[in-house]
Amino acid sequence: MIQQLNNVAVEVSQQIYQVFQRSYKIEAELIGVENFPPLSRSVEQIRQSTNEFYGVIIEGELAGVIEVSLKEPSAQDISKTTLEIESLTVSPLFFKQGIASRLIEFVLQNKAFEYAIVETAAVNQPAIRLYDKHGFRVFKQFTPEHGIEKVALKQNGYK
């Protein structure tokens, strides 16, 4: 079952942090980096986030987390409402069970937006294939200050 997570609650933010740490350590190994920015995120930063967090809980354990934000266009900005997937992680104990796909489908079907955007490391082929399966297409490649080459993927909204 997918449910919204109250990231402000200490116990919940600690659970999110643990899933992030376990998953991002494996991603860092996959892309071949030692200093992976998502691993430096603290429990307190998760607690203070204004993003929405949704999780899959299996037998009382948080198995996967998706973090999203909706960027509304302003009066001066003619851009469309954008759903940004800020993070998507699955605890290694639950890999290969379709949890990431379930989380992506959940937010795509339950949020009103014109575009959905996500970024990942350019060499993270498993993530790129996952997002491709859900209709995302690479539209930009770039290298931020931390030096890990990234791609941005975009999908047209369902609603």
Protein backbone atom coordinates (compact mmCIF):
# COMPACT_ATOMS: atom_id res chain seq x y z
CA MET A 1 0.00 0.00 0.00
CA ILE A 2 1.22 3.50 -0.85
CA GLN A 3 0.66 6.25 1.68
CA GLN A 4 1.77 9.80 2.26
CA LEU A 5 4.56 9.99 4.80
CA ASN A 6 4.69 12.66 7.50
CA ASN A 7 8.34 13.62 7.05
CA VAL A 8 8.11 16.15 9.91
CA ALA A 9 7.67 13.32 12.42
CA VAL A 10 11.06 12.28 13.82
CA GLU A 11 10.47 8.51 13.54
CA VAL A 12 9.21 8.80 9.95
CA SER A 13 12.05 11.08 8.85
CA GLN A 14 14.53 8.59 10.35
CA GLN A 15 12.92 5.76 8.36
CA ILE A 16 13.10 7.83 5.16
CA TYR A 17 16.74 8.63 5.93
CA GLN A 18 17.57 4.93 6.37
CA VAL A 19 16.00 4.01 3.02
CA PHE A 20 17.85 6.90 1.37
CA GLN A 21 21.17 5.83 2.87
CA ARG A 22 20.82 2.16 1.90
CA SER A 23 19.65 2.88 -1.62
CA TYR A 24 21.96 5.79 -2.41
CA LYS A 25 25.05 3.86 -1.26
CA ILE A 26 24.28 1.28 -3.93
CA GLU A 27 23.60 3.98 -6.52
CA ALA A 28 26.94 5.65 -5.68
CA GLU A 29 28.70 2.33 -6.31
CA LEU A 30 26.75 1.81 -9.54
CA ILE A 31 27.78 5.18 -10.95
CA GLY A 32 31.32 4.92 -9.57
CA VAL A 33 31.52 7.87 -7.20
CA GLU A 34 32.60 8.19 -3.58
CA ASN A 35 31.09 11.60 -2.83
CA PHE A 36 27.43 11.27 -3.76
CA PRO A 37 25.44 14.39 -2.72
CA PRO A 38 22.21 12.58 -1.72
CA LEU A 39 24.16 10.65 0.93
CA SER A 40 24.95 13.91 2.76
CA ARG A 41 21.28 14.71 3.36
CA SER A 42 20.46 14.67 7.06
CA VAL A 43 17.38 13.56 9.00
CA GLU A 44 16.83 17.21 9.92
CA GLN A 45 16.89 18.27 6.24
CA ILE A 46 14.28 15.61 5.49
CA ARG A 47 12.16 16.86 8.41
CA GLN A 48 12.37 20.45 7.18
CA SER A 49 11.53 19.64 3.58
CA THR A 50 8.28 21.06 2.18
CA ASN A 51 8.18 18.36 -0.50
CA GLU A 52 5.66 15.53 -0.34
CA PHE A 53 6.88 12.04 0.52
CA TYR A 54 5.01 8.83 -0.32
CA GLY A 55 6.04 5.36 0.70
CA VAL A 56 5.36 1.69 0.24
CA ILE A 57 5.17 -0.14 3.55
CA ILE A 58 5.56 -3.91 3.53
CA GLU A 59 5.04 -5.84 6.75
CA GLY A 60 5.62 -2.71 8.80
CA GLU A 61 8.83 -1.73 7.01
CA LEU A 62 9.32 1.25 4.72
CA ALA A 63 10.28 -0.42 1.44
CA GLY A 64 10.42 2.55 -0.92
CA VAL A 65 10.04 6.33 -0.97
CA ILE A 66 9.23 8.87 -3.65
CA GLU A 67 9.66 12.57 -2.93
CA VAL A 68 7.87 15.05 -5.16
CA SER A 69 7.14 18.74 -5.48
CA LEU A 70 4.69 20.64 -7.65
CA LYS A 71 5.95 23.83 -9.20
CA GLU A 72 3.01 26.09 -10.04
CA PRO A 73 3.40 28.73 -12.74
CA SER A 74 3.41 32.30 -11.45
CA ALA A 75 1.51 35.19 -13.03
CA GLN A 76 4.74 36.37 -14.67
CA ASP A 77 5.76 32.88 -15.76
CA ILE A 78 3.92 31.25 -18.64
CA SER A 79 5.36 27.81 -17.93
CA LYS A 80 3.12 24.89 -17.03
CA THR A 81 2.62 23.17 -13.70
CA THR A 82 5.51 20.77 -13.26
CA LEU A 83 5.72 17.68 -11.09
CA GLU A 84 9.32 17.21 -10.02
CA ILE A 85 10.44 13.84 -8.74
CA GLU A 86 13.05 14.94 -6.24
CA SER A 87 14.05 11.44 -5.16
CA LEU A 88 13.00 7.84 -5.67
CA THR A 89 14.59 5.14 -3.55
CA VAL A 90 13.88 1.52 -2.73
CA SER A 91 15.45 -0.32 0.18
CA PRO A 92 17.81 -3.00 -1.18
CA LEU A 93 15.81 -5.65 0.69
CA PHE A 94 12.94 -4.89 -1.68
CA PHE A 95 14.75 -4.51 -5.02
CA LYS A 96 13.21 -6.15 -8.10
CA GLN A 97 9.66 -6.13 -6.72
CA GLY A 98 8.20 -3.31 -8.84
CA ILE A 99 8.09 -0.84 -5.95
CA ALA A 100 9.73 2.02 -7.86
CA SER A 101 7.26 1.58 -10.73
CA ARG A 102 4.33 1.55 -8.31
CA LEU A 103 5.53 4.78 -6.71
CA ILE A 104 6.05 6.50 -10.07
CA GLU A 105 2.60 5.44 -11.31
CA PHE A 106 1.03 6.59 -8.05
CA VAL A 107 2.31 10.16 -8.30
CA LEU A 108 1.72 10.38 -12.05
CA GLN A 109 -1.91 9.33 -11.61
CA ASN A 110 -2.67 11.31 -8.45
CA LYS A 111 -1.15 14.71 -9.19
CA ALA A 112 -2.37 17.27 -11.72
CA PHE A 113 0.48 18.56 -13.86
CA GLU A 114 1.46 19.32 -17.44
CA TYR A 115 5.00 17.94 -17.22
CA ALA A 116 6.86 15.62 -14.89
CA ILE A 117 10.63 16.01 -14.60
CA VAL A 118 13.31 13.88 -12.96
CA GLU A 119 17.11 13.93 -12.97
CA THR A 120 19.56 11.06 -12.59
CA ALA A 121 23.19 10.29 -13.27
CA ALA A 122 23.83 9.88 -17.00
CA VAL A 123 25.44 6.48 -16.38
CA ASN A 124 22.54 5.21 -14.24
CA GLN A 125 21.03 3.05 -16.97
CA PRO A 126 18.66 1.13 -14.65
CA ALA A 127 17.02 4.42 -13.58
CA ILE A 128 16.89 5.75 -17.14
CA ARG A 129 15.24 2.51 -18.33
CA LEU A 130 12.74 2.70 -15.45
CA TYR A 131 11.72 6.25 -16.29
CA ASP A 132 11.64 5.45 -20.02
CA LYS A 133 9.16 2.66 -19.25
CA HIS A 134 6.88 5.32 -17.75
CA GLY A 135 7.06 7.66 -20.75
CA PHE A 136 9.94 9.90 -19.66
CA ARG A 137 12.40 11.02 -22.33
CA VAL A 138 15.83 12.61 -21.91
CA PHE A 139 15.68 16.28 -22.84
CA LYS A 140 18.88 17.63 -21.31
CA GLN A 141 22.36 16.47 -20.32
CA PHE A 142 24.49 18.56 -17.95
CA THR A 143 27.21 18.47 -15.31
CA PRO A 144 26.49 20.29 -12.02
CA GLU A 145 29.18 21.59 -9.64
CA HIS A 146 29.66 18.22 -7.95
CA GLY A 147 30.92 16.84 -11.27
CA ILE A 148 28.55 13.89 -11.76
CA GLU A 149 27.18 14.06 -15.30
CA LYS A 150 23.38 14.02 -15.21
CA VAL A 151 20.41 13.75 -17.52
CA ALA A 152 17.01 15.35 -17.08
CA LEU A 153 14.00 13.42 -18.28
CA LYS A 154 10.52 14.79 -18.97
CA GLN A 155 7.09 13.27 -19.42
CA ASN A 156 3.84 14.91 -20.49
CA GLY A 157 1.20 14.82 -17.78
CA TYR A 158 -1.79 12.53 -17.56
CA LYS A 159 -4.21 15.22 -16.38
